[in-house]
Amino acid sequence: MEWSTIILVAVVVGFFLWRHERARVKGEERAVVATARLAKDQKLYDHIKAGMLEYEFRNRGNEFWKAKGRQLLFETAQFSCFHVDHFAESRVGFYFKDLKEFGLYGFFVGNDPEVDVFHSYYRTDETFQDEGQLLYEDD
């Protein structure tokens, strides 16, 4: 075998080993980013669920549904709660002080209220217009 062939094979093998290692490292980096995203989304989802419990408790006897726009409904030490107008869903917006994030809860009832009930959870901004779907595990 000629030296030029041996050098060419060594370069090709080296290139493929380098590409394989680079892909492995990138895969690990993506896994770290995905894990962080899942943890962040789960935490926001849990906060929204807790916020909705407080909302439902405070709404007894009140008429939050009469609120307009992004009206502040109430505020606690942990979060602020807002009414959010939407054409199809009943929506409640939150600002969570510890997370420094905005969350959005949506509720829709379809034709059959016993079957067609949909809950939506989003990461959003201060306008409550941006809807970033959360990745979470429901208990």
C-alpha atoms as a PDB file:
ATOM      1  CA  MET A   1       0.000   0.000   0.000  1.00  0.00           C
ATOM      2  CA  GLU A   2       1.294   3.451  -0.855  1.00  0.00           C
ATOM      3  CA  TRP A   3       1.878   6.122   1.737  1.00  0.00           C
ATOM      4  CA  SER A   4      -0.512   8.500   0.020  1.00  0.00           C
ATOM      5  CA  THR A   5      -3.324   5.949   0.354  1.00  0.00           C
ATOM      6  CA  ILE A   6      -2.508   5.374   4.026  1.00  0.00           C
ATOM      7  CA  ILE A   7      -2.489   9.125   4.681  1.00  0.00           C
ATOM      8  CA  LEU A   8      -5.783   9.548   2.818  1.00  0.00           C
ATOM      9  CA  VAL A   9      -7.429   6.724   4.833  1.00  0.00           C
ATOM     10  CA  ALA A  10      -6.074   8.213   8.093  1.00  0.00           C
ATOM     11  CA  VAL A  11      -7.456  11.664   7.198  1.00  0.00           C
ATOM     12  CA  VAL A  12     -10.876  10.237   6.275  1.00  0.00           C
ATOM     13  CA  VAL A  13     -11.039   8.131   9.463  1.00  0.00           C
ATOM     14  CA  GLY A  14      -9.902  11.123  11.544  1.00  0.00           C
ATOM     15  CA  PHE A  15     -12.555  13.303   9.915  1.00  0.00           C
ATOM     16  CA  PHE A  16     -15.332  10.801  10.676  1.00  0.00           C
ATOM     17  CA  LEU A  17     -14.137  10.380  14.281  1.00  0.00           C
ATOM     18  CA  TRP A  18     -14.094  14.172  14.712  1.00  0.00           C
ATOM     19  CA  ARG A  19     -17.632  14.463  13.257  1.00  0.00           C
ATOM     20  CA  HIS A  20     -18.894  11.669  15.515  1.00  0.00           C
ATOM     21  CA  GLU A  21     -17.442  13.318  18.637  1.00  0.00           C
ATOM     22  CA  ARG A  22     -18.820  16.709  17.615  1.00  0.00           C
ATOM     23  CA  ALA A  23     -22.309  15.210  17.095  1.00  0.00           C
ATOM     24  CA  ARG A  24     -22.122  13.481  20.502  1.00  0.00           C
ATOM     25  CA  VAL A  25     -21.183  16.728  22.261  1.00  0.00           C
ATOM     26  CA  LYS A  26     -23.924  18.645  20.454  1.00  0.00           C
ATOM     27  CA  GLY A  27     -26.421  15.954  21.410  1.00  0.00           C
ATOM     28  CA  GLU A  28     -25.414  16.288  25.055  1.00  0.00           C
ATOM     29  CA  GLU A  29     -25.721  20.080  24.832  1.00  0.00           C
ATOM     30  CA  ARG A  30     -29.209  19.737  23.324  1.00  0.00           C
ATOM     31  CA  ALA A  31     -30.192  17.325  26.091  1.00  0.00           C
ATOM     32  CA  VAL A  32     -29.066  19.827  28.720  1.00  0.00           C
ATOM     33  CA  VAL A  33     -31.027  22.621  27.024  1.00  0.00           C
ATOM     34  CA  ALA A  34     -34.123  20.408  26.670  1.00  0.00           C
ATOM     35  CA  THR A  35     -33.935  19.333  30.311  1.00  0.00           C
ATOM     36  CA  ALA A  36     -33.634  22.947  31.424  1.00  0.00           C
ATOM     37  CA  ARG A  37     -36.607  23.903  29.233  1.00  0.00           C
ATOM     38  CA  LEU A  38     -38.727  21.078  30.658  1.00  0.00           C
ATOM     39  CA  ALA A  39     -37.856  22.066  34.230  1.00  0.00           C
ATOM     40  CA  LYS A  40     -38.620  25.733  33.537  1.00  0.00           C
ATOM     41  CA  ASP A  41     -41.934  24.898  31.843  1.00  0.00           C
ATOM     42  CA  GLN A  42     -42.925  22.508  34.631  1.00  0.00           C
ATOM     43  CA  LYS A  43     -42.251  25.171  37.253  1.00  0.00           C
ATOM     44  CA  LEU A  44     -44.355  27.755  35.380  1.00  0.00           C
ATOM     45  CA  TYR A  45     -47.149  25.200  34.880  1.00  0.00           C
ATOM     46  CA  ASP A  46     -47.156  24.400  38.607  1.00  0.00           C
ATOM     47  CA  HIS A  47     -47.304  28.124  39.414  1.00  0.00           C
ATOM     48  CA  ILE A  48     -50.238  28.639  37.028  1.00  0.00           C
ATOM     49  CA  LYS A  49     -52.110  25.701  38.596  1.00  0.00           C
ATOM     50  CA  ALA A  50     -51.546  27.171  42.092  1.00  0.00           C
ATOM     51  CA  GLY A  51     -52.573  30.612  40.815  1.00  0.00           C
ATOM     52  CA  MET A  52     -55.805  29.170  39.438  1.00  0.00           C
ATOM     53  CA  LEU A  53     -56.629  27.660  42.833  1.00  0.00           C
ATOM     54  CA  GLU A  54     -56.277  31.123  44.379  1.00  0.00           C
ATOM     55  CA  TYR A  55     -58.275  32.636  41.505  1.00  0.00           C
ATOM     56  CA  GLU A  56     -61.129  30.159  41.993  1.00  0.00           C
ATOM     57  CA  PHE A  57     -61.121  30.746  45.763  1.00  0.00           C
ATOM     58  CA  ARG A  58     -61.255  34.532  45.382  1.00  0.00           C
ATOM     59  CA  ASN A  59     -63.838  34.383  42.591  1.00  0.00           C
ATOM     60  CA  ARG A  60     -66.470  32.900  44.914  1.00  0.00           C
ATOM     61  CA  GLY A  61     -69.112  35.592  45.105  1.00  0.00           C
ATOM     62  CA  ASN A  62     -67.117  37.898  42.842  1.00  0.00           C
ATOM     63  CA  GLU A  63     -67.704  38.441  39.206  1.00  0.00           C
ATOM     64  CA  PHE A  64     -64.253  38.363  37.644  1.00  0.00           C
ATOM     65  CA  TRP A  65     -65.845  37.565  34.287  1.00  0.00           C
ATOM     66  CA  LYS A  66     -67.067  41.188  34.096  1.00  0.00           C
ATOM     67  CA  ALA A  67     -63.506  42.492  33.967  1.00  0.00           C
ATOM     68  CA  LYS A  68     -62.253  44.024  30.726  1.00  0.00           C
ATOM     69  CA  GLY A  69     -58.952  43.921  28.894  1.00  0.00           C
ATOM     70  CA  ARG A  70     -55.936  43.172  31.050  1.00  0.00           C
ATOM     71  CA  GLN A  71     -57.582  44.379  34.238  1.00  0.00           C
ATOM     72  CA  LEU A  72     -55.824  43.474  37.494  1.00  0.00           C
ATOM     73  CA  LEU A  73     -58.135  41.151  39.425  1.00  0.00           C
ATOM     74  CA  PHE A  74     -56.040  40.754  42.581  1.00  0.00           C
ATOM     75  CA  GLU A  75     -52.473  40.631  43.803  1.00  0.00           C
ATOM     76  CA  THR A  76     -50.716  38.489  46.395  1.00  0.00           C
ATOM     77  CA  ALA A  77     -47.142  38.452  47.662  1.00  0.00           C
ATOM     78  CA  GLN A  78     -46.351  35.749  45.070  1.00  0.00           C
ATOM     79  CA  PHE A  79     -48.197  36.881  41.941  1.00  0.00           C
ATOM     80  CA  SER A  80     -50.535  39.298  40.193  1.00  0.00           C
ATOM     81  CA  CYS A  81     -53.668  38.000  38.471  1.00  0.00           C
ATOM     82  CA  PHE A  82     -55.245  39.609  35.397  1.00  0.00           C
ATOM     83  CA  HIS A  83     -58.353  39.126  33.292  1.00  0.00           C
ATOM     84  CA  VAL A  84     -57.421  38.492  29.650  1.00  0.00           C
ATOM     85  CA  ASP A  85     -59.920  38.948  26.826  1.00  0.00           C
ATOM     86  CA  HIS A  86     -60.072  36.214  24.194  1.00  0.00           C
ATOM     87  CA  PHE A  87     -62.596  35.428  21.454  1.00  0.00           C
ATOM     88  CA  ALA A  88     -63.023  31.735  22.337  1.00  0.00           C
ATOM     89  CA  GLU A  89     -61.501  30.926  25.725  1.00  0.00           C
ATOM     90  CA  SER A  90     -61.924  32.207  29.245  1.00  0.00           C
ATOM     91  CA  ARG A  91     -58.434  33.393  30.111  1.00  0.00           C
ATOM     92  CA  VAL A  92     -56.532  34.395  33.202  1.00  0.00           C
ATOM     93  CA  GLY A  93     -53.061  35.932  33.095  1.00  0.00           C
ATOM     94  CA  PHE A  94     -50.464  35.837  35.830  1.00  0.00           C
ATOM     95  CA  TYR A  95     -47.216  37.550  36.667  1.00  0.00           C
ATOM     96  CA  PHE A  96     -45.152  35.401  39.029  1.00  0.00           C
ATOM     97  CA  LYS A  97     -42.793  37.566  41.045  1.00  0.00           C
ATOM     98  CA  ASP A  98     -40.335  34.819  42.029  1.00  0.00           C
ATOM     99  CA  LEU A  99     -39.979  33.530  38.461  1.00  0.00           C
ATOM    100  CA  LYS A 100     -40.195  36.996  36.883  1.00  0.00           C
ATOM    101  CA  GLU A 101     -42.391  35.387  34.219  1.00  0.00           C
ATOM    102  CA  PHE A 102     -45.856  35.763  32.795  1.00  0.00           C
ATOM    103  CA  GLY A 103     -48.159  32.780  32.484  1.00  0.00           C
ATOM    104  CA  LEU A 104     -51.527  32.371  30.808  1.00  0.00           C
ATOM    105  CA  TYR A 105     -54.345  29.928  31.544  1.00  0.00           C
ATOM    106  CA  GLY A 106     -57.143  29.269  29.064  1.00  0.00           C
ATOM    107  CA  PHE A 107     -60.362  27.314  29.495  1.00  0.00           C
ATOM    108  CA  PHE A 108     -62.734  26.258  26.715  1.00  0.00           C
ATOM    109  CA  VAL A 109     -65.890  24.154  26.835  1.00  0.00           C
ATOM    110  CA  GLY A 110     -67.049  22.574  23.578  1.00  0.00           C
ATOM    111  CA  ASN A 111     -70.445  21.196  22.575  1.00  0.00           C
ATOM    112  CA  ASP A 112     -70.524  18.477  25.227  1.00  0.00           C
ATOM    113  CA  PRO A 113     -69.472  19.947  28.609  1.00  0.00           C
ATOM    114  CA  GLU A 114     -68.872  16.479  30.031  1.00  0.00           C
ATOM    115  CA  VAL A 115     -66.350  15.576  27.326  1.00  0.00           C
ATOM    116  CA  ASP A 116     -65.204  18.705  25.471  1.00  0.00           C
ATOM    117  CA  VAL A 117     -63.317  20.617  28.170  1.00  0.00           C
ATOM    118  CA  PHE A 118     -59.923  22.035  27.230  1.00  0.00           C
ATOM    119  CA  HIS A 119     -57.323  23.651  29.489  1.00  0.00           C
ATOM    120  CA  SER A 120     -54.404  25.605  28.015  1.00  0.00           C
ATOM    121  CA  TYR A 121     -51.201  26.728  29.691  1.00  0.00           C
ATOM    122  CA  TYR A 122     -48.823  29.204  28.060  1.00  0.00           C
ATOM    123  CA  ARG A 123     -45.685  31.190  28.701  1.00  0.00           C
ATOM    124  CA  THR A 124     -46.439  34.729  27.600  1.00  0.00           C
ATOM    125  CA  ASP A 125     -45.328  38.343  27.844  1.00  0.00           C
ATOM    126  CA  GLU A 126     -46.739  41.383  29.669  1.00  0.00           C
ATOM    127  CA  THR A 127     -49.335  41.917  26.909  1.00  0.00           C
ATOM    128  CA  PHE A 128     -50.648  38.334  27.244  1.00  0.00           C
ATOM    129  CA  GLN A 129     -50.697  38.120  23.442  1.00  0.00           C
ATOM    130  CA  ASP A 130     -47.667  35.876  22.917  1.00  0.00           C
ATOM    131  CA  GLU A 131     -48.540  32.201  23.449  1.00  0.00           C
ATOM    132  CA  GLY A 132     -45.628  29.845  24.020  1.00  0.00           C
ATOM    133  CA  GLN A 133     -46.979  26.348  24.662  1.00  0.00           C
ATOM    134  CA  LEU A 134     -45.628  24.787  27.847  1.00  0.00           C
ATOM    135  CA  LEU A 135     -44.137  21.305  27.976  1.00  0.00           C
ATOM    136  CA  TYR A 136     -45.209  19.805  31.276  1.00  0.00           C
ATOM    137  CA  GLU A 137     -46.197  16.635  33.023  1.00  0.00           C
ATOM    138  CA  ASP A 138     -49.625  16.748  34.619  1.00  0.00           C
ATOM    139  CA  ASP A 139     -49.956  14.976  37.945  1.00  0.00           C
END
